[in-house]
């Protein structure tokens, strides 16, 4: 599974993309990433699954593309 990382999250992870074995769902992915990169647990971020923002638990497939995006505000 390809994980794209954007904005300030690249500083935390040290890369702008990761290739991982697909966890079964987005909650497991988030937990795994926070375990590997503890600073992620200290900043708000959003997940997009195949270019669609997700806020609830979603099943994942190995072919999915997930994006990690820092919290943002607009105006």
N, C-alpha and C. Protein backbone atom coordinates (compact mmCIF):
# COMPACT_ATOMS: atom_id res chain seq x y z
N UNK A 1 0.84 -1.17 0.00
CA UNK A 1 0.00 0.00 0.00
C UNK A 1 0.89 1.23 0.00
N UNK A 2 0.52 2.19 -0.81
CA UNK A 2 1.27 3.44 -0.87
C UNK A 2 0.64 4.47 0.06
N UNK A 3 1.49 5.09 0.88
CA UNK A 3 1.08 6.15 1.79
C UNK A 3 1.80 7.42 1.35
N UNK A 4 1.04 8.44 0.98
CA UNK A 4 1.60 9.73 0.59
C UNK A 4 1.54 10.65 1.81
N UNK A 5 2.60 11.38 2.07
CA UNK A 5 2.67 12.25 3.24
C UNK A 5 2.86 13.69 2.77
N UNK A 6 2.09 14.58 3.38
CA UNK A 6 2.09 15.98 2.94
C UNK A 6 2.42 16.93 4.09
N UNK A 7 2.89 18.11 3.71
CA UNK A 7 3.12 19.21 4.64
C UNK A 7 4.10 18.87 5.74
N UNK A 8 3.81 19.39 6.93
CA UNK A 8 4.71 19.23 8.08
C UNK A 8 4.84 17.78 8.52
N UNK A 9 3.94 16.92 8.08
CA UNK A 9 4.03 15.51 8.45
C UNK A 9 5.26 14.84 7.84
N UNK A 10 5.77 15.40 6.74
CA UNK A 10 6.99 14.85 6.15
C UNK A 10 8.18 15.04 7.09
N UNK A 11 8.18 16.10 7.88
CA UNK A 11 9.26 16.32 8.86
C UNK A 11 9.21 15.26 9.95
N UNK A 12 8.02 14.88 10.35
CA UNK A 12 7.86 13.88 11.41
C UNK A 12 8.26 12.50 10.91
N UNK A 13 7.84 12.16 9.71
CA UNK A 13 8.09 10.83 9.16
C UNK A 13 9.44 10.74 8.47
N UNK A 14 9.91 11.85 7.95
CA UNK A 14 11.21 11.86 7.28
C UNK A 14 11.15 11.42 5.83
N UNK A 15 9.96 11.41 5.26
CA UNK A 15 9.78 11.02 3.86
C UNK A 15 8.45 11.58 3.37
N UNK A 16 8.29 11.60 2.05
CA UNK A 16 7.00 12.07 1.50
C UNK A 16 6.14 10.91 1.00
N UNK A 17 6.65 9.68 1.16
CA UNK A 17 5.84 8.50 0.84
C UNK A 17 6.41 7.27 1.52
N UNK A 18 5.53 6.34 1.81
CA UNK A 18 5.90 5.07 2.41
C UNK A 18 5.21 3.95 1.64
N UNK A 19 5.81 2.80 1.62
CA UNK A 19 5.18 1.60 1.09
C UNK A 19 5.05 0.61 2.24
N UNK A 20 3.82 0.23 2.56
CA UNK A 20 3.57 -0.64 3.69
C UNK A 20 2.67 -1.80 3.29
N UNK A 21 2.74 -2.87 4.07
CA UNK A 21 1.74 -3.91 3.91
C UNK A 21 0.42 -3.33 4.38
N UNK A 22 -0.64 -3.63 3.66
CA UNK A 22 -1.93 -3.03 3.97
C UNK A 22 -2.52 -3.58 5.26
N UNK A 23 -2.75 -2.70 6.25
CA UNK A 23 -3.53 -3.13 7.40
C UNK A 23 -4.99 -3.33 6.95
N UNK A 24 -5.81 -3.89 7.81
CA UNK A 24 -7.18 -4.19 7.40
C UNK A 24 -8.07 -2.96 7.32
N UNK A 25 -7.74 -1.90 8.09
CA UNK A 25 -8.60 -0.71 8.06
C UNK A 25 -7.80 0.55 8.44
N UNK A 26 -8.45 1.69 8.30
CA UNK A 26 -7.78 2.97 8.54
C UNK A 26 -7.41 3.16 10.01
N UNK A 27 -8.20 2.63 10.94
CA UNK A 27 -7.86 2.76 12.36
C UNK A 27 -6.56 2.01 12.67
N UNK A 28 -6.42 0.81 12.11
CA UNK A 28 -5.19 0.04 12.32
C UNK A 28 -4.00 0.75 11.69
N UNK A 29 -4.22 1.35 10.53
CA UNK A 29 -3.14 2.10 9.87
C UNK A 29 -2.70 3.26 10.74
N UNK A 30 -3.65 4.04 11.24
CA UNK A 30 -3.29 5.18 12.09
C UNK A 30 -2.54 4.72 13.33
N UNK A 31 -3.02 3.67 13.98
CA UNK A 31 -2.36 3.17 15.18
C UNK A 31 -0.94 2.71 14.87
N UNK A 32 -0.75 2.03 13.76
CA UNK A 32 0.57 1.55 13.36
C UNK A 32 1.51 2.72 13.09
N UNK A 33 1.02 3.73 12.40
CA UNK A 33 1.86 4.89 12.09
C UNK A 33 2.24 5.65 13.35
N UNK A 34 1.30 5.82 14.28
CA UNK A 34 1.60 6.52 15.53
C UNK A 34 2.60 5.71 16.36
N UNK A 35 2.50 4.38 16.30
CA UNK A 35 3.45 3.55 17.03
C UNK A 35 4.86 3.71 16.43
N UNK A 36 4.96 3.74 15.10
CA UNK A 36 6.26 3.89 14.44
C UNK A 36 6.80 5.30 14.54
N UNK A 37 5.91 6.30 14.52
CA UNK A 37 6.30 7.71 14.55
C UNK A 37 5.51 8.40 15.66
N UNK A 38 5.94 8.27 16.92
CA UNK A 38 5.17 8.78 18.06
C UNK A 38 4.77 10.25 17.97
N UNK A 39 5.57 11.07 17.31
CA UNK A 39 5.20 12.50 17.19
C UNK A 39 3.90 12.69 16.42
N UNK A 40 3.52 11.73 15.58
CA UNK A 40 2.23 11.83 14.88
C UNK A 40 1.07 11.89 15.86
N UNK A 41 1.23 11.26 17.01
CA UNK A 41 0.17 11.27 18.02
C UNK A 41 -0.01 12.62 18.68
N UNK A 42 0.90 13.54 18.43
CA UNK A 42 0.86 14.86 19.06
C UNK A 42 0.33 15.95 18.13
N UNK A 43 0.07 15.60 16.87
CA UNK A 43 -0.42 16.60 15.92
C UNK A 43 -1.68 16.08 15.23
N UNK A 44 -2.62 16.98 14.97
CA UNK A 44 -3.82 16.54 14.25
C UNK A 44 -3.50 16.32 12.77
N UNK A 45 -4.04 15.25 12.22
CA UNK A 45 -3.88 15.01 10.78
C UNK A 45 -5.11 14.28 10.26
N UNK A 46 -5.26 14.33 8.95
CA UNK A 46 -6.39 13.70 8.29
C UNK A 46 -5.89 12.62 7.34
N UNK A 47 -6.76 11.67 7.05
CA UNK A 47 -6.47 10.63 6.06
C UNK A 47 -7.38 10.82 4.86
N UNK A 48 -6.82 10.60 3.70
CA UNK A 48 -7.63 10.51 2.48
C UNK A 48 -7.37 9.12 1.90
N UNK A 49 -8.43 8.48 1.48
CA UNK A 49 -8.35 7.14 0.90
C UNK A 49 -8.75 7.24 -0.55
N UNK A 50 -7.81 6.98 -1.44
CA UNK A 50 -8.06 7.10 -2.88
C UNK A 50 -8.66 8.45 -3.24
N UNK A 51 -8.05 9.50 -2.68
CA UNK A 51 -8.38 10.91 -2.93
C UNK A 51 -9.68 11.38 -2.28
N UNK A 52 -10.22 10.61 -1.35
CA UNK A 52 -11.45 11.00 -0.65
C UNK A 52 -11.15 11.05 0.84
N UNK A 53 -11.43 12.21 1.46
CA UNK A 53 -11.20 12.37 2.90
C UNK A 53 -12.07 11.39 3.67
N UNK A 54 -11.47 10.75 4.67
CA UNK A 54 -12.22 9.82 5.51
C UNK A 54 -12.13 10.25 6.96
N UNK A 55 -13.23 10.12 7.67
CA UNK A 55 -13.25 10.45 9.09
C UNK A 55 -13.68 9.25 9.92
N UNK A 56 -14.25 8.26 9.28
CA UNK A 56 -14.68 7.05 9.96
C UNK A 56 -13.82 5.89 9.51
N UNK A 57 -13.87 4.83 10.26
CA UNK A 57 -13.12 3.61 9.94
C UNK A 57 -13.52 3.09 8.57
N UNK A 58 -12.51 2.84 7.72
CA UNK A 58 -12.73 2.33 6.37
C UNK A 58 -11.85 1.10 6.15
N UNK A 59 -12.37 0.11 5.45
CA UNK A 59 -11.58 -1.06 5.09
C UNK A 59 -10.52 -0.65 4.07
N UNK A 60 -9.38 -1.32 4.11
CA UNK A 60 -8.29 -1.02 3.19
C UNK A 60 -7.96 -2.24 2.33
N UNK A 61 -7.56 -1.97 1.10
CA UNK A 61 -7.11 -2.98 0.16
C UNK A 61 -5.65 -2.68 -0.20
N UNK A 62 -4.86 -3.70 -0.57
CA UNK A 62 -3.46 -3.47 -0.91
C UNK A 62 -3.25 -2.46 -2.03
N UNK A 63 -4.21 -2.32 -2.92
CA UNK A 63 -4.07 -1.40 -4.05
C UNK A 63 -4.47 0.04 -3.71
N UNK A 64 -4.98 0.28 -2.49
CA UNK A 64 -5.40 1.63 -2.11
C UNK A 64 -4.21 2.57 -1.98
N UNK A 65 -4.49 3.85 -2.18
CA UNK A 65 -3.51 4.91 -1.92
C UNK A 65 -4.08 5.76 -0.80
N UNK A 66 -3.30 5.90 0.26
CA UNK A 66 -3.71 6.70 1.42
C UNK A 66 -2.82 7.93 1.48
N UNK A 67 -3.43 9.07 1.77
CA UNK A 67 -2.67 10.31 1.95
C UNK A 67 -2.82 10.76 3.40
N UNK A 68 -1.72 11.15 4.00
CA UNK A 68 -1.71 11.75 5.34
C UNK A 68 -1.52 13.25 5.15
N UNK A 69 -2.47 14.01 5.68
CA UNK A 69 -2.42 15.46 5.52
C UNK A 69 -2.53 16.15 6.86
N UNK A 70 -1.73 17.18 7.08
CA UNK A 70 -1.85 17.91 8.34
C UNK A 70 -3.19 18.63 8.40
N UNK A 71 -3.62 18.93 9.61
CA UNK A 71 -4.85 19.72 9.78
C UNK A 71 -4.67 21.06 9.09
N UNK A 72 -5.72 21.54 8.50
CA UNK A 72 -5.64 22.81 7.79
C UNK A 72 -6.92 23.59 8.02
N UNK A 73 -6.82 24.89 7.83
CA UNK A 73 -8.00 25.74 7.94
C UNK A 73 -8.03 26.64 6.72
N UNK A 74 -9.20 27.02 6.36
CA UNK A 74 -9.34 27.88 5.18
C UNK A 74 -10.17 29.09 5.49
N UNK A 75 -10.17 29.98 4.58
CA UNK A 75 -10.95 31.18 4.83
C UNK A 75 -11.02 32.04 3.63
